Protein backbone atom coordinates (compact mmCIF):
# COMPACT_ATOMS: atom_id res chain seq x y z
CA MET A 1 -6.07 15.08 56.44
CA LYS A 2 -7.80 18.12 57.99
CA ASP A 3 -10.92 16.64 57.92
CA TYR A 4 -9.61 13.54 59.82
CA GLY A 5 -7.75 15.15 62.40
CA ILE A 6 -10.79 17.04 63.52
CA SER A 7 -12.67 14.35 64.01
CA VAL A 8 -9.94 12.93 66.06
CA LEU A 9 -9.94 16.12 68.16
CA THR A 10 -13.42 15.63 68.90
CA GLN A 11 -12.33 12.54 70.98
CA TYR A 12 -10.73 14.57 73.46
CA GLN A 13 -12.35 16.84 76.12
CA MET A 14 -10.85 20.09 75.23
CA GLU A 15 -11.85 23.21 73.52
CA VAL A 16 -10.64 23.91 70.17
CA PHE A 17 -10.61 27.73 69.17
CA GLY A 18 -8.94 27.49 65.67
CA THR A 19 -6.40 24.84 63.71
CA HIS A 20 -4.13 25.91 60.85
CA LYS A 21 -2.49 23.42 58.40
CA VAL A 22 1.41 23.64 58.96
CA ARG A 23 3.72 21.51 57.32
CA GLY A 24 2.67 17.66 57.41
CA ALA A 25 0.51 18.41 60.74
CA ILE A 26 -2.10 20.33 62.06
CA LEU A 27 -1.66 23.21 64.64
CA CYS A 28 -4.50 23.59 67.34
CA ASP A 29 -4.97 26.02 69.29
CA THR A 30 -7.02 24.75 72.44
CA ASP A 31 -7.95 25.55 75.83
CA LYS A 32 -4.91 23.51 76.96
CA GLY A 33 -2.49 25.15 74.70
CA LEU A 34 -0.73 25.00 71.13
CA LEU A 35 -1.07 21.34 70.28
CA LEU A 36 0.53 19.83 67.34
CA LEU A 37 -1.39 17.12 65.21
CA LYS A 38 0.79 14.48 63.42
CA GLU A 39 0.03 11.26 61.61
CA THR A 40 2.37 8.84 63.03
CA ARG A 41 3.34 4.85 62.07
CA MET A 42 4.08 3.54 65.46
CA GLU A 43 2.67 0.71 66.88
CA GLU A 44 0.00 0.95 69.73
CA SER A 45 2.46 -0.65 72.32
CA ARG A 46 5.76 1.78 71.50
CA ILE A 47 3.12 5.00 71.96
CA CYS A 48 2.08 3.69 75.30
CA ALA A 49 6.01 2.96 75.96
CA LEU A 50 6.88 6.46 75.34
CA ALA A 51 3.93 8.26 76.96
CA LYS A 52 4.63 6.42 79.82
CA TYR A 53 8.25 7.56 79.73
CA MET A 54 7.28 11.16 78.73
CA SER A 55 5.12 11.61 82.01
CA SER A 56 7.88 10.48 84.32
C-alpha cells in the first residue's frame, strides 16, 4: 500500500515532508498538518455525501 499511497499523494496540492507506516494506513506529515491515508471500500457517492456532511 505504501507505493500506492505515495502515488495518491501526488494528486493533491500539498508538500509531503515524510510518511510513516502505521497499522493499516500511512501517516503523512504535510504542510497542511498530519494526515492519515487509509484505504476504504465505500461507494463514491457515500464518500461525497460524508465529505459534504463533514464540511458543514
